[in-house]
Amino acid sequence: EDRLIISGAHDIVVKGDASLRVYGDYNVTCHKDYNLTVNGNFNLISKNHNRHIRGNIDTKAKSENKKLEGSSTLTAQGAVAHTAKGSATIASLDQLHLGGSKGLNMQVGQGDITGNIQQGNFHFEATQGSFEAKMQNAVKFLTDSGAIHLIAAEAAKILAKQGNVN
């Protein structure tokens, strides 16, 4: 065994490549700030990467790309916000599920909310409560056959301020 104790500052300058090889565990303890500057690429290869951060994580980067072979989970005790100055996409090659235990809101400041189903059906269901749509202008239902079928489980009333309802 060999121990080296240095009192005061200690600098090591290597004017060339350098390596440190440890065949057991390698532990570093720093009692103040730990600063690492890499003027080239920073490459990390490990079996697993486990982090326990007792404070905040702040990241600044020009861009970020992540590629996962498996699943990804994000759990937050508070709110989560993803904001983009440009367009944003949430996509799945399988199913996409959106839900909120106290509500799900969509808002567009200017433009349209568009849904397009290539094959399948479009369903809305309210097990308790009602379905309500408010329009400033006309409501249009368009079908290829020209037929529109409104079906109610119980007696239904359709009220129209203008025009005829048949």
C-alpha atoms as a PDB file:
ATOM      1  CA  GLU A   1       0.000   0.000   0.000  1.00  0.00           C
ATOM      2  CA  ASP A   2       1.098   3.546  -0.641  1.00  0.00           C
ATOM      3  CA  ARG A   3      -0.450   6.727   0.740  1.00  0.00           C
ATOM      4  CA  LEU A   4       0.364  10.251  -0.391  1.00  0.00           C
ATOM      5  CA  ILE A   5      -0.698  13.214   1.724  1.00  0.00           C
ATOM      6  CA  ILE A   6      -0.164  16.713   0.327  1.00  0.00           C
ATOM      7  CA  SER A   7      -0.774  19.860   2.362  1.00  0.00           C
ATOM      8  CA  GLY A   8      -1.495  22.899   0.184  1.00  0.00           C
ATOM      9  CA  ALA A   9      -1.991  23.178  -3.554  1.00  0.00           C
ATOM     10  CA  HIS A  10      -0.881  20.383  -5.889  1.00  0.00           C
ATOM     11  CA  ASP A  11      -0.750  20.599  -9.687  1.00  0.00           C
ATOM     12  CA  ILE A  12       0.158  17.917 -12.174  1.00  0.00           C
ATOM     13  CA  VAL A  13       0.901  19.014 -15.754  1.00  0.00           C
ATOM     14  CA  VAL A  14       1.278  16.431 -18.492  1.00  0.00           C
ATOM     15  CA  LYS A  15       2.378  17.795 -21.885  1.00  0.00           C
ATOM     16  CA  GLY A  16       1.059  14.805 -23.788  1.00  0.00           C
ATOM     17  CA  ASP A  17      -1.487  12.012 -23.360  1.00  0.00           C
ATOM     18  CA  ALA A  18      -2.171  10.619 -19.893  1.00  0.00           C
ATOM     19  CA  SER A  19      -4.001   7.588 -18.541  1.00  0.00           C
ATOM     20  CA  LEU A  20      -4.990   6.249 -15.164  1.00  0.00           C
ATOM     21  CA  ARG A  21      -5.954   2.602 -14.883  1.00  0.00           C
ATOM     22  CA  VAL A  22      -7.607   1.290 -11.707  1.00  0.00           C
ATOM     23  CA  TYR A  23      -8.366  -2.432 -11.389  1.00  0.00           C
ATOM     24  CA  GLY A  24     -10.600  -1.978  -8.356  1.00  0.00           C
ATOM     25  CA  ASP A  25     -13.199   0.631  -7.393  1.00  0.00           C
ATOM     26  CA  TYR A  26     -12.216   4.240  -8.095  1.00  0.00           C
ATOM     27  CA  ASN A  27     -13.673   6.731  -5.626  1.00  0.00           C
ATOM     28  CA  VAL A  28     -13.311  10.510  -5.672  1.00  0.00           C
ATOM     29  CA  THR A  29     -14.507  12.666  -2.785  1.00  0.00           C
ATOM     30  CA  CYS A  30     -14.389  16.444  -3.152  1.00  0.00           C
ATOM     31  CA  HIS A  31     -15.410  18.498  -0.117  1.00  0.00           C
ATOM     32  CA  LYS A  32     -16.097  21.641  -2.173  1.00  0.00           C
ATOM     33  CA  ASP A  33     -17.002  22.305  -5.834  1.00  0.00           C
ATOM     34  CA  TYR A  34     -15.830  19.838  -8.486  1.00  0.00           C
ATOM     35  CA  ASN A  35     -15.148  21.525 -11.838  1.00  0.00           C
ATOM     36  CA  LEU A  36     -14.294  19.620 -14.996  1.00  0.00           C
ATOM     37  CA  THR A  37     -13.436  21.375 -18.255  1.00  0.00           C
ATOM     38  CA  VAL A  38     -13.154  19.383 -21.462  1.00  0.00           C
ATOM     39  CA  ASN A  39     -12.178  21.393 -24.547  1.00  0.00           C
ATOM     40  CA  GLY A  40     -12.865  18.439 -26.851  1.00  0.00           C
ATOM     41  CA  ASN A  41     -15.576  15.764 -26.734  1.00  0.00           C
ATOM     42  CA  PHE A  42     -16.659  14.294 -23.400  1.00  0.00           C
ATOM     43  CA  ASN A  43     -17.332  10.572 -23.863  1.00  0.00           C
ATOM     44  CA  LEU A  44     -18.685   8.375 -21.092  1.00  0.00           C
ATOM     45  CA  ILE A  45     -19.035   4.615 -21.463  1.00  0.00           C
ATOM     46  CA  SER A  46     -20.392   2.574 -18.576  1.00  0.00           C
ATOM     47  CA  LYS A  47     -22.523  -0.456 -17.806  1.00  0.00           C
ATOM     48  CA  ASN A  48     -25.084   1.706 -15.965  1.00  0.00           C
ATOM     49  CA  HIS A  49     -25.267   5.430 -15.192  1.00  0.00           C
ATOM     50  CA  ASN A  50     -26.880   6.115 -11.829  1.00  0.00           C
ATOM     51  CA  ARG A  51     -27.195   9.665 -10.506  1.00  0.00           C
ATOM     52  CA  HIS A  52     -28.575  11.008  -7.255  1.00  0.00           C
ATOM     53  CA  ILE A  53     -28.796  14.796  -7.398  1.00  0.00           C
ATOM     54  CA  ARG A  54     -29.729  16.519  -4.140  1.00  0.00           C
ATOM     55  CA  GLY A  55     -30.481  19.826  -5.883  1.00  0.00           C
ATOM     56  CA  ASN A  56     -31.365  21.028  -9.370  1.00  0.00           C
ATOM     57  CA  ILE A  57     -30.122  19.908 -12.767  1.00  0.00           C
ATOM     58  CA  ASP A  58     -29.573  22.753 -15.227  1.00  0.00           C
ATOM     59  CA  THR A  59     -28.548  21.887 -18.786  1.00  0.00           C
ATOM     60  CA  LYS A  60     -27.629  24.261 -21.604  1.00  0.00           C
ATOM     61  CA  ALA A  61     -26.980  22.783 -25.036  1.00  0.00           C
ATOM     62  CA  LYS A  62     -27.344  23.657 -28.717  1.00  0.00           C
ATOM     63  CA  SER A  63     -29.421  20.526 -29.316  1.00  0.00           C
ATOM     64  CA  GLU A  64     -30.236  17.235 -27.602  1.00  0.00           C
ATOM     65  CA  ASN A  65     -30.709  13.782 -29.105  1.00  0.00           C
ATOM     66  CA  LYS A  66     -31.607  10.698 -27.101  1.00  0.00           C
ATOM     67  CA  LYS A  67     -31.797   7.154 -28.425  1.00  0.00           C
ATOM     68  CA  LEU A  68     -33.144   4.446 -26.144  1.00  0.00           C
ATOM     69  CA  GLU A  69     -33.247   0.719 -26.795  1.00  0.00           C
ATOM     70  CA  GLY A  70     -35.953   0.274 -24.147  1.00  0.00           C
ATOM     71  CA  SER A  71     -38.650   2.313 -22.452  1.00  0.00           C
ATOM     72  CA  SER A  72     -38.508   5.753 -20.872  1.00  0.00           C
ATOM     73  CA  THR A  73     -40.350   6.947 -17.773  1.00  0.00           C
ATOM     74  CA  LEU A  74     -40.567  10.461 -16.353  1.00  0.00           C
ATOM     75  CA  THR A  75     -42.108  10.838 -12.900  1.00  0.00           C
ATOM     76  CA  ALA A  76     -42.488  14.299 -11.374  1.00  0.00           C
ATOM     77  CA  GLN A  77     -43.977  15.297  -8.028  1.00  0.00           C
ATOM     78  CA  GLY A  78     -44.829  18.710  -9.528  1.00  0.00           C
ATOM     79  CA  ALA A  79     -45.830  20.010 -12.941  1.00  0.00           C
ATOM     80  CA  VAL A  80     -44.077  19.079 -16.206  1.00  0.00           C
ATOM     81  CA  ALA A  81     -43.870  21.548 -19.089  1.00  0.00           C
ATOM     82  CA  HIS A  82     -42.336  21.027 -22.522  1.00  0.00           C
ATOM     83  CA  THR A  83     -42.192  24.246 -24.542  1.00  0.00           C
ATOM     84  CA  ALA A  84     -40.968  24.697 -28.110  1.00  0.00           C
ATOM     85  CA  LYS A  85     -40.442  27.920 -30.024  1.00  0.00           C
ATOM     86  CA  GLY A  86     -40.917  25.950 -33.254  1.00  0.00           C
ATOM     87  CA  SER A  87     -43.366  23.130 -33.903  1.00  0.00           C
ATOM     88  CA  ALA A  88     -43.613  20.170 -31.519  1.00  0.00           C
ATOM     89  CA  THR A  89     -44.566  16.566 -32.192  1.00  0.00           C
ATOM     90  CA  ILE A  90     -45.662  13.732 -29.932  1.00  0.00           C
ATOM     91  CA  ALA A  91     -45.862  10.543 -31.950  1.00  0.00           C
ATOM     92  CA  SER A  92     -46.012   6.796 -31.469  1.00  0.00           C
ATOM     93  CA  LEU A  93     -45.609   3.962 -33.965  1.00  0.00           C
ATOM     94  CA  ASP A  94     -48.133   2.050 -31.823  1.00  0.00           C
ATOM     95  CA  GLN A  95     -50.820   3.728 -29.657  1.00  0.00           C
ATOM     96  CA  LEU A  96     -50.669   7.191 -28.116  1.00  0.00           C
ATOM     97  CA  HIS A  97     -52.495   7.762 -24.832  1.00  0.00           C
ATOM     98  CA  LEU A  98     -53.224  11.189 -23.352  1.00  0.00           C
ATOM     99  CA  GLY A  99     -55.023  11.518 -20.060  1.00  0.00           C
ATOM    100  CA  GLY A 100     -55.410  13.573 -16.949  1.00  0.00           C
ATOM    101  CA  SER A 101     -57.151  12.538 -13.748  1.00  0.00           C
ATOM    102  CA  LYS A 102     -58.705  16.011 -13.422  1.00  0.00           C
ATOM    103  CA  GLY A 103     -58.996  17.078 -17.044  1.00  0.00           C
ATOM    104  CA  LEU A 104     -57.466  17.224 -20.494  1.00  0.00           C
ATOM    105  CA  ASN A 105     -57.307  20.579 -22.209  1.00  0.00           C
ATOM    106  CA  MET A 106     -56.499  21.626 -25.762  1.00  0.00           C
ATOM    107  CA  GLN A 107     -56.109  25.244 -26.768  1.00  0.00           C
ATOM    108  CA  VAL A 108     -55.139  26.913 -30.010  1.00  0.00           C
ATOM    109  CA  GLY A 109     -54.532  30.673 -30.065  1.00  0.00           C
ATOM    110  CA  GLN A 110     -54.966  30.875 -33.822  1.00  0.00           C
ATOM    111  CA  GLY A 111     -55.498  28.056 -36.310  1.00  0.00           C
ATOM    112  CA  ASP A 112     -57.335  24.755 -36.339  1.00  0.00           C
ATOM    113  CA  ILE A 113     -57.618  21.612 -34.275  1.00  0.00           C
ATOM    114  CA  THR A 114     -57.712  18.832 -36.843  1.00  0.00           C
ATOM    115  CA  GLY A 115     -58.288  15.114 -36.470  1.00  0.00           C
ATOM    116  CA  ASN A 116     -57.718  12.655 -39.289  1.00  0.00           C
ATOM    117  CA  ILE A 117     -58.470   8.938 -38.980  1.00  0.00           C
ATOM    118  CA  GLN A 118     -57.311   6.858 -41.951  1.00  0.00           C
ATOM    119  CA  GLN A 119     -59.144   3.734 -40.843  1.00  0.00           C
ATOM    120  CA  GLY A 120     -61.317   3.211 -37.783  1.00  0.00           C
ATOM    121  CA  ASN A 121     -63.853   5.200 -35.790  1.00  0.00           C
ATOM    122  CA  PHE A 122     -63.900   8.403 -33.767  1.00  0.00           C
ATOM    123  CA  HIS A 123     -65.520   8.111 -30.315  1.00  0.00           C
ATOM    124  CA  PHE A 124     -66.419  10.560 -27.577  1.00  0.00           C
ATOM    125  CA  GLU A 125     -67.982   9.257 -24.393  1.00  0.00           C
ATOM    126  CA  ALA A 126     -68.961  10.968 -21.165  1.00  0.00           C
ATOM    127  CA  THR A 127     -70.064   8.411 -18.563  1.00  0.00           C
ATOM    128  CA  GLN A 128     -71.103  11.173 -16.163  1.00  0.00           C
ATOM    129  CA  GLY A 129     -71.751  14.697 -17.320  1.00  0.00           C
ATOM    130  CA  SER A 130     -72.398  15.865 -20.847  1.00  0.00           C
ATOM    131  CA  PHE A 131     -70.772  16.601 -24.177  1.00  0.00           C
ATOM    132  CA  GLU A 132     -70.991  20.249 -25.129  1.00  0.00           C
ATOM    133  CA  ALA A 133     -69.794  22.075 -28.232  1.00  0.00           C
ATOM    134  CA  LYS A 134     -70.079  25.837 -28.631  1.00  0.00           C
ATOM    135  CA  MET A 135     -69.511  27.377 -32.042  1.00  0.00           C
ATOM    136  CA  GLN A 136     -69.533  30.997 -33.117  1.00  0.00           C
ATOM    137  CA  ASN A 137     -70.539  29.983 -36.643  1.00  0.00           C
ATOM    138  CA  ALA A 138     -72.208  26.956 -38.217  1.00  0.00           C
ATOM    139  CA  VAL A 139     -71.600  23.357 -37.233  1.00  0.00           C
ATOM    140  CA  LYS A 140     -71.048  21.012 -40.181  1.00  0.00           C
ATOM    141  CA  PHE A 141     -71.277  17.247 -40.274  1.00  0.00           C
ATOM    142  CA  LEU A 142     -70.070  15.847 -43.589  1.00  0.00           C
ATOM    143  CA  THR A 143     -70.288  12.194 -44.617  1.00  0.00           C
ATOM    144  CA  ASP A 144     -69.559  10.485 -47.927  1.00  0.00           C
ATOM    145  CA  SER A 145     -73.105   9.050 -48.052  1.00  0.00           C
ATOM    146  CA  GLY A 146     -74.697  12.369 -47.107  1.00  0.00           C
ATOM    147  CA  ALA A 147     -76.569  10.740 -44.197  1.00  0.00           C
ATOM    148  CA  ILE A 148     -76.199  11.868 -40.607  1.00  0.00           C
ATOM    149  CA  HIS A 149     -77.533   9.705 -37.806  1.00  0.00           C
ATOM    150  CA  LEU A 150     -78.017  11.072 -34.300  1.00  0.00           C
ATOM    151  CA  ILE A 151     -78.803   8.370 -31.770  1.00  0.00           C
ATOM    152  CA  ALA A 152     -79.672   8.976 -28.114  1.00  0.00           C
ATOM    153  CA  ALA A 153     -80.023   6.324 -25.409  1.00  0.00           C
ATOM    154  CA  GLU A 154     -82.873   8.311 -23.858  1.00  0.00           C
ATOM    155  CA  ALA A 155     -85.178  11.010 -25.147  1.00  0.00           C
ATOM    156  CA  ALA A 156     -83.178  13.873 -26.640  1.00  0.00           C
ATOM    157  CA  LYS A 157     -84.027  17.471 -27.353  1.00  0.00           C
ATOM    158  CA  ILE A 158     -82.363  19.385 -30.118  1.00  0.00           C
ATOM    159  CA  LEU A 159     -82.735  23.118 -29.890  1.00  0.00           C
ATOM    160  CA  ALA A 160     -81.942  25.422 -32.781  1.00  0.00           C
ATOM    161  CA  LYS A 161     -82.102  29.208 -32.671  1.00  0.00           C
ATOM    162  CA  GLN A 162     -82.277  29.449 -36.465  1.00  0.00           C
ATOM    163  CA  GLY A 163     -83.352  27.012 -39.137  1.00  0.00           C
ATOM    164  CA  ASN A 164     -85.314  23.793 -38.999  1.00  0.00           C
ATOM    165  CA  VAL A 165     -84.487  20.582 -37.173  1.00  0.00           C
ATOM    166  CA  ASN A 166     -85.962  17.369 -38.586  1.00  0.00           C
END
